[in-house]
């Protein structure tokens, strides 16, 4: 294998995330953008010795950034780089394994967990999918929405689920985005930081009175 192209293959195996289960993409996911831990197959028609399976990593070399790109854009980036070492390469890029759009509901609900985000889903609908609020003391007037804004950072927002449930089709009922997390706290939330480190949510799930 040519040293320069071997280096390219190594870079592709450690591409960096620029901006989040196996399966075939549906029409609704046709514009899916590559995220950390996604797996792609890179196949060369006339030079199969260069075929490989690459994983998009959250950190790594930045010579070729694929995170945040659609498959078409990733194909164009790989083609451009391969063209420097191969004559008119015919390369295919297929999504082998990807993180399906989802949201998470935790705290004082009957069935906390991760749910597939299939079409438009509001905060009220998400809580219902998780079995609803199970504790009379749960502060469903202070449901916490945490939305990822960076690889390790989330932005928080308080939702008055109680009021939204009393007024169906309320403009306050937020439409969820992939990766959103909803937390129904056990006790009253007296203070909440606008920005939090992604994953540090225990305090909000069970805050101190």
C-alpha atoms as a PDB file:
ATOM      1  CA  UNK A   1       0.000   0.000   0.000  1.00  0.00           C
ATOM      2  CA  UNK A   2       1.294   3.462  -0.847  1.00  0.00           C
ATOM      3  CA  UNK A   3       2.463   5.229   2.355  1.00  0.00           C
ATOM      4  CA  UNK A   4       0.559   8.452   1.655  1.00  0.00           C
ATOM      5  CA  UNK A   5      -2.687   6.641   0.982  1.00  0.00           C
ATOM      6  CA  UNK A   6      -2.161   4.369   3.976  1.00  0.00           C
ATOM      7  CA  UNK A   7      -1.959   7.518   6.087  1.00  0.00           C
ATOM      8  CA  UNK A   8      -5.256   8.670   4.580  1.00  0.00           C
ATOM      9  CA  UNK A   9      -6.928   5.415   5.552  1.00  0.00           C
ATOM     10  CA  UNK A  10      -5.636   5.820   9.098  1.00  0.00           C
ATOM     11  CA  UNK A  11      -7.051   9.340   9.256  1.00  0.00           C
ATOM     12  CA  UNK A  12     -10.409   8.114   8.019  1.00  0.00           C
ATOM     13  CA  UNK A  13     -10.546   5.671  10.907  1.00  0.00           C
ATOM     14  CA  UNK A  14     -10.156   8.530  13.373  1.00  0.00           C
ATOM     15  CA  UNK A  15     -12.131  11.375  11.839  1.00  0.00           C
ATOM     16  CA  UNK A  16     -13.156  14.101  14.228  1.00  0.00           C
ATOM     17  CA  UNK A  17     -16.719  15.092  15.117  1.00  0.00           C
ATOM     18  CA  UNK A  18     -17.318  18.637  13.887  1.00  0.00           C
ATOM     19  CA  UNK A  19     -20.646  19.351  15.412  1.00  0.00           C
ATOM     20  CA  UNK A  20     -24.656  12.348  17.817  1.00  0.00           C
ATOM     21  CA  UNK A  21     -28.022   0.899  15.914  1.00  0.00           C
ATOM     22  CA  UNK A  22     -27.683  -0.524  12.864  1.00  0.00           C
ATOM     23  CA  UNK A  23     -30.236  -0.090  10.108  1.00  0.00           C
ATOM     24  CA  UNK A  24     -31.092   1.371   6.749  1.00  0.00           C
ATOM     25  CA  UNK A  25     -31.965   5.043   6.539  1.00  0.00           C
ATOM     26  CA  UNK A  26     -35.585   5.885   5.861  1.00  0.00           C
ATOM     27  CA  UNK A  27     -36.716   8.718   3.595  1.00  0.00           C
ATOM     28  CA  UNK A  28     -37.203  10.935   6.663  1.00  0.00           C
ATOM     29  CA  UNK A  29     -33.554  10.381   7.590  1.00  0.00           C
ATOM     30  CA  UNK A  30     -32.147  10.931   4.100  1.00  0.00           C
ATOM     31  CA  UNK A  31     -30.360  14.071   5.267  1.00  0.00           C
ATOM     32  CA  UNK A  32     -28.899  12.392   8.327  1.00  0.00           C
ATOM     33  CA  UNK A  33     -25.577  13.926   9.347  1.00  0.00           C
ATOM     34  CA  UNK A  34     -22.722  11.791  10.575  1.00  0.00           C
ATOM     35  CA  UNK A  35     -22.096  11.777  14.308  1.00  0.00           C
ATOM     36  CA  UNK A  36     -19.637  10.257  16.764  1.00  0.00           C
ATOM     37  CA  UNK A  37     -19.671   6.435  16.776  1.00  0.00           C
ATOM     38  CA  UNK A  38     -21.366   6.170  13.383  1.00  0.00           C
ATOM     39  CA  UNK A  39     -19.809   3.497  11.178  1.00  0.00           C
ATOM     40  CA  UNK A  40     -19.369   3.838   7.418  1.00  0.00           C
ATOM     41  CA  UNK A  41     -18.183   1.443   4.717  1.00  0.00           C
ATOM     42  CA  UNK A  42     -15.779   2.971   2.192  1.00  0.00           C
ATOM     43  CA  UNK A  43     -15.463   0.834  -0.934  1.00  0.00           C
ATOM     44  CA  UNK A  44     -13.344   1.327  -4.051  1.00  0.00           C
ATOM     45  CA  UNK A  45     -14.589  -0.378  -7.204  1.00  0.00           C
ATOM     46  CA  UNK A  46     -11.221  -0.885  -8.922  1.00  0.00           C
ATOM     47  CA  UNK A  47      -8.925  -0.899  -5.896  1.00  0.00           C
ATOM     48  CA  UNK A  48     -10.713  -3.079  -3.326  1.00  0.00           C
ATOM     49  CA  UNK A  49      -7.501  -3.373  -1.319  1.00  0.00           C
ATOM     50  CA  UNK A  50      -8.323   0.096  -0.032  1.00  0.00           C
ATOM     51  CA  UNK A  51     -11.824  -0.862   1.171  1.00  0.00           C
ATOM     52  CA  UNK A  52     -12.405  -0.268   4.846  1.00  0.00           C
ATOM     53  CA  UNK A  53     -14.922   0.240   7.607  1.00  0.00           C
ATOM     54  CA  UNK A  54     -14.368   3.523   9.470  1.00  0.00           C
ATOM     55  CA  UNK A  55     -15.809   4.878  12.712  1.00  0.00           C
ATOM     56  CA  UNK A  56     -16.507   8.558  13.286  1.00  0.00           C
ATOM     57  CA  UNK A  57     -14.797   9.400  16.565  1.00  0.00           C
ATOM     58  CA  UNK A  58     -15.476  12.413  18.848  1.00  0.00           C
ATOM     59  CA  UNK A  59     -11.762  13.177  18.872  1.00  0.00           C
ATOM     60  CA  UNK A  60      -8.907  12.408  16.553  1.00  0.00           C
ATOM     61  CA  UNK A  61      -7.082  13.706  13.526  1.00  0.00           C
ATOM     62  CA  UNK A  62      -8.539  16.767  11.840  1.00  0.00           C
ATOM     63  CA  UNK A  63      -7.032  16.235   8.375  1.00  0.00           C
ATOM     64  CA  UNK A  64     -10.422  15.059   7.134  1.00  0.00           C
ATOM     65  CA  UNK A  65     -13.518  16.059   9.084  1.00  0.00           C
ATOM     66  CA  UNK A  66     -16.625  13.959   8.387  1.00  0.00           C
ATOM     67  CA  UNK A  67     -18.669  14.633  11.521  1.00  0.00           C
ATOM     68  CA  UNK A  68     -21.696  16.791  10.783  1.00  0.00           C
ATOM     69  CA  UNK A  69     -21.668  15.966   7.067  1.00  0.00           C
ATOM     70  CA  UNK A  70     -24.355  14.188   5.087  1.00  0.00           C
ATOM     71  CA  UNK A  71     -23.334  11.011   3.278  1.00  0.00           C
ATOM     72  CA  UNK A  72     -23.160  12.894  -0.020  1.00  0.00           C
ATOM     73  CA  UNK A  73     -20.866  15.478   1.531  1.00  0.00           C
ATOM     74  CA  UNK A  74     -18.727  12.780   3.158  1.00  0.00           C
ATOM     75  CA  UNK A  75     -18.461  11.006  -0.210  1.00  0.00           C
ATOM     76  CA  UNK A  76     -17.291  14.233  -1.866  1.00  0.00           C
ATOM     77  CA  UNK A  77     -14.659  14.795   0.847  1.00  0.00           C
ATOM     78  CA  UNK A  78     -13.344  11.238   0.592  1.00  0.00           C
ATOM     79  CA  UNK A  79     -13.352  11.364  -3.220  1.00  0.00           C
ATOM     80  CA  UNK A  80     -11.399  14.622  -3.223  1.00  0.00           C
ATOM     81  CA  UNK A  81      -8.745  13.240  -0.892  1.00  0.00           C
ATOM     82  CA  UNK A  82      -8.511   9.899  -2.704  1.00  0.00           C
ATOM     83  CA  UNK A  83      -8.133  11.680  -6.050  1.00  0.00           C
ATOM     84  CA  UNK A  84      -4.753  12.957  -4.886  1.00  0.00           C
ATOM     85  CA  UNK A  85      -3.481   9.373  -4.790  1.00  0.00           C
ATOM     86  CA  UNK A  86      -5.686   7.461  -7.228  1.00  0.00           C
ATOM     87  CA  UNK A  87      -6.638   8.233 -10.816  1.00  0.00           C
ATOM     88  CA  UNK A  88     -10.394   8.889 -11.132  1.00  0.00           C
ATOM     89  CA  UNK A  89     -11.321   6.691  -8.162  1.00  0.00           C
ATOM     90  CA  UNK A  90     -14.795   5.175  -8.049  1.00  0.00           C
ATOM     91  CA  UNK A  91     -15.648   5.173  -4.373  1.00  0.00           C
ATOM     92  CA  UNK A  92     -18.875   4.388  -2.550  1.00  0.00           C
ATOM     93  CA  UNK A  93     -19.713   5.472   0.998  1.00  0.00           C
ATOM     94  CA  UNK A  94     -22.430   3.576   2.843  1.00  0.00           C
ATOM     95  CA  UNK A  95     -23.774   4.127   6.334  1.00  0.00           C
ATOM     96  CA  UNK A  96     -23.369   0.803   8.115  1.00  0.00           C
ATOM     97  CA  UNK A  97     -24.245   1.676  11.697  1.00  0.00           C
ATOM     98  CA  UNK A  98     -25.717   4.906  13.054  1.00  0.00           C
ATOM     99  CA  UNK A  99     -27.297   6.479  16.073  1.00  0.00           C
ATOM    100  CA  UNK A 100     -31.001   6.763  15.325  1.00  0.00           C
ATOM    101  CA  UNK A 101     -32.713  10.014  16.349  1.00  0.00           C
ATOM    102  CA  UNK A 102     -33.920   9.643  19.939  1.00  0.00           C
ATOM    103  CA  UNK A 103     -34.786  11.462  23.155  1.00  0.00           C
ATOM    104  CA  UNK A 104     -34.471  10.530  26.823  1.00  0.00           C
ATOM    105  CA  UNK A 105     -37.003  10.901  29.646  1.00  0.00           C
ATOM    106  CA  UNK A 106     -35.891  10.421  33.240  1.00  0.00           C
ATOM    107  CA  UNK A 107     -36.917  11.243  36.786  1.00  0.00           C
ATOM    108  CA  UNK A 108     -40.415  10.803  38.201  1.00  0.00           C
ATOM    109  CA  UNK A 109     -42.034   8.945  35.291  1.00  0.00           C
ATOM    110  CA  UNK A 110     -43.333   5.389  35.084  1.00  0.00           C
ATOM    111  CA  UNK A 111     -40.968   4.127  32.391  1.00  0.00           C
ATOM    112  CA  UNK A 112     -37.851   6.286  32.138  1.00  0.00           C
ATOM    113  CA  UNK A 113     -35.513   5.570  29.284  1.00  0.00           C
ATOM    114  CA  UNK A 114     -34.524   6.256  25.701  1.00  0.00           C
ATOM    115  CA  UNK A 115     -37.166   6.531  22.989  1.00  0.00           C
ATOM    116  CA  UNK A 116     -36.893   6.708  19.212  1.00  0.00           C
ATOM    117  CA  UNK A 117     -37.805  10.092  17.822  1.00  0.00           C
ATOM    118  CA  UNK A 118     -40.220   9.253  15.023  1.00  0.00           C
ATOM    119  CA  UNK A 119     -41.675  12.360  13.514  1.00  0.00           C
ATOM    120  CA  UNK A 120     -42.791  15.432  15.430  1.00  0.00           C
ATOM    121  CA  UNK A 121     -42.947  14.758  19.178  1.00  0.00           C
ATOM    122  CA  UNK A 122     -43.697  17.370  21.836  1.00  0.00           C
ATOM    123  CA  UNK A 123     -42.605  17.425  25.477  1.00  0.00           C
ATOM    124  CA  UNK A 124     -46.103  16.463  26.661  1.00  0.00           C
ATOM    125  CA  UNK A 125     -46.205  13.534  24.226  1.00  0.00           C
ATOM    126  CA  UNK A 126     -42.745  12.425  25.336  1.00  0.00           C
ATOM    127  CA  UNK A 127     -43.755  12.325  29.011  1.00  0.00           C
ATOM    128  CA  UNK A 128     -46.862  10.336  28.034  1.00  0.00           C
ATOM    129  CA  UNK A 129     -44.702   7.852  26.101  1.00  0.00           C
ATOM    130  CA  UNK A 130     -42.686   7.375  29.296  1.00  0.00           C
ATOM    131  CA  UNK A 131     -45.859   6.399  31.174  1.00  0.00           C
ATOM    132  CA  UNK A 132     -46.615   9.796  32.654  1.00  0.00           C
ATOM    133  CA  UNK A 133     -45.705  11.333  36.007  1.00  0.00           C
ATOM    134  CA  UNK A 134     -45.909   8.763  38.796  1.00  0.00           C
ATOM    135  CA  UNK A 135     -45.531  10.829  41.964  1.00  0.00           C
ATOM    136  CA  UNK A 136     -48.014  13.360  43.293  1.00  0.00           C
ATOM    137  CA  UNK A 137     -45.090  15.308  44.729  1.00  0.00           C
ATOM    138  CA  UNK A 138     -43.201  15.374  41.433  1.00  0.00           C
ATOM    139  CA  UNK A 139     -42.686  18.886  40.152  1.00  0.00           C
ATOM    140  CA  UNK A 140     -44.207  18.545  36.704  1.00  0.00           C
ATOM    141  CA  UNK A 141     -44.544  22.313  36.652  1.00  0.00           C
ATOM    142  CA  UNK A 142     -40.728  22.380  36.502  1.00  0.00           C
ATOM    143  CA  UNK A 143     -39.780  19.755  33.942  1.00  0.00           C
ATOM    144  CA  UNK A 144     -36.197  20.288  32.830  1.00  0.00           C
ATOM    145  CA  UNK A 145     -35.337  20.159  29.154  1.00  0.00           C
ATOM    146  CA  UNK A 146     -31.636  19.687  28.426  1.00  0.00           C
ATOM    147  CA  UNK A 147     -30.630  20.183  24.808  1.00  0.00           C
ATOM    148  CA  UNK A 148     -27.146  19.410  23.552  1.00  0.00           C
ATOM    149  CA  UNK A 149     -25.431  22.435  22.036  1.00  0.00           C
ATOM    150  CA  UNK A 150     -21.895  21.008  21.881  1.00  0.00           C
ATOM    151  CA  UNK A 151     -20.161  17.655  22.267  1.00  0.00           C
ATOM    152  CA  UNK A 152     -19.928  18.030  26.062  1.00  0.00           C
ATOM    153  CA  UNK A 153     -22.359  20.842  26.852  1.00  0.00           C
ATOM    154  CA  UNK A 154     -26.111  21.184  27.123  1.00  0.00           C
ATOM    155  CA  UNK A 155     -28.487  24.133  27.492  1.00  0.00           C
ATOM    156  CA  UNK A 156     -31.302  23.876  30.043  1.00  0.00           C
ATOM    157  CA  UNK A 157     -34.853  25.173  30.041  1.00  0.00           C
ATOM    158  CA  UNK A 158     -37.714  24.813  32.521  1.00  0.00           C
ATOM    159  CA  UNK A 159     -41.074  23.675  31.117  1.00  0.00           C
ATOM    160  CA  UNK A 160     -44.391  23.972  32.922  1.00  0.00           C
ATOM    161  CA  UNK A 161     -45.754  20.573  31.907  1.00  0.00           C
ATOM    162  CA  UNK A 162     -48.728  20.953  34.243  1.00  0.00           C
ATOM    163  CA  UNK A 163     -49.891  24.081  32.453  1.00  0.00           C
ATOM    164  CA  UNK A 164     -49.236  22.605  29.022  1.00  0.00           C
ATOM    165  CA  UNK A 165     -51.346  19.546  29.843  1.00  0.00           C
ATOM    166  CA  UNK A 166     -54.222  21.808  30.868  1.00  0.00           C
ATOM    167  CA  UNK A 167     -54.043  23.667  27.551  1.00  0.00           C
ATOM    168  CA  UNK A 168     -53.747  21.184  24.656  1.00  0.00           C
ATOM    169  CA  UNK A 169     -51.916  22.518  21.582  1.00  0.00           C
ATOM    170  CA  UNK A 170     -50.235  25.114  23.784  1.00  0.00           C
ATOM    171  CA  UNK A 171     -47.484  27.102  22.100  1.00  0.00           C
ATOM    172  CA  UNK A 172     -45.370  26.345  25.180  1.00  0.00           C
ATOM    173  CA  UNK A 173     -45.315  22.628  24.313  1.00  0.00           C
ATOM    174  CA  UNK A 174     -41.799  22.317  22.897  1.00  0.00           C
ATOM    175  CA  UNK A 175     -41.103  20.124  19.881  1.00  0.00           C
ATOM    176  CA  UNK A 176     -38.222  17.821  20.748  1.00  0.00           C
ATOM    177  CA  UNK A 177     -35.001  17.552  18.794  1.00  0.00           C
ATOM    178  CA  UNK A 178     -32.747  14.486  18.487  1.00  0.00           C
ATOM    179  CA  UNK A 179     -30.739  13.991  21.664  1.00  0.00           C
ATOM    180  CA  UNK A 180     -33.030  16.043  23.933  1.00  0.00           C
ATOM    181  CA  UNK A 181     -33.419  14.956  27.549  1.00  0.00           C
ATOM    182  CA  UNK A 182     -36.455  15.622  29.756  1.00  0.00           C
ATOM    183  CA  UNK A 183     -36.168  15.296  33.533  1.00  0.00           C
ATOM    184  CA  UNK A 184     -39.187  15.329  35.864  1.00  0.00           C
ATOM    185  CA  UNK A 185     -37.651  16.305  39.232  1.00  0.00           C
ATOM    186  CA  UNK A 186     -38.737  14.822  42.532  1.00  0.00           C
ATOM    187  CA  UNK A 187     -38.514  18.124  44.387  1.00  0.00           C
ATOM    188  CA  UNK A 188     -38.736  21.812  43.599  1.00  0.00           C
ATOM    189  CA  UNK A 189     -35.867  23.206  41.576  1.00  0.00           C
ATOM    190  CA  UNK A 190     -34.723  26.410  43.247  1.00  0.00           C
ATOM    191  CA  UNK A 191     -31.904  27.184  40.866  1.00  0.00           C
ATOM    192  CA  UNK A 192     -30.781  25.861  37.536  1.00  0.00           C
ATOM    193  CA  UNK A 193     -27.734  26.693  35.479  1.00  0.00           C
ATOM    194  CA  UNK A 194     -28.425  27.676  31.890  1.00  0.00           C
ATOM    195  CA  UNK A 195     -25.472  25.660  30.597  1.00  0.00           C
ATOM    196  CA  UNK A 196     -24.390  22.309  32.027  1.00  0.00           C
ATOM    197  CA  UNK A 197     -21.799  19.672  31.277  1.00  0.00           C
ATOM    198  CA  UNK A 198     -23.437  16.889  29.296  1.00  0.00           C
ATOM    199  CA  UNK A 199     -24.124  13.986  31.651  1.00  0.00           C
ATOM    200  CA  UNK A 200     -24.064  15.918  34.951  1.00  0.00           C
ATOM    201  CA  UNK A 201     -27.811  15.704  35.489  1.00  0.00           C
ATOM    202  CA  UNK A 202     -28.127  13.896  38.831  1.00  0.00           C
ATOM    203  CA  UNK A 203     -28.600  17.118  40.782  1.00  0.00           C
ATOM    204  CA  UNK A 204     -31.584  18.081  38.642  1.00  0.00           C
ATOM    205  CA  UNK A 205     -33.208  14.661  38.866  1.00  0.00           C
ATOM    206  CA  UNK A 206     -33.045  14.739  42.684  1.00  0.00           C
ATOM    207  CA  UNK A 207     -32.351  18.327  43.754  1.00  0.00           C
ATOM    208  CA  UNK A 208     -31.939  19.416  47.348  1.00  0.00           C
ATOM    209  CA  UNK A 209     -34.989  21.118  48.821  1.00  0.00           C
END
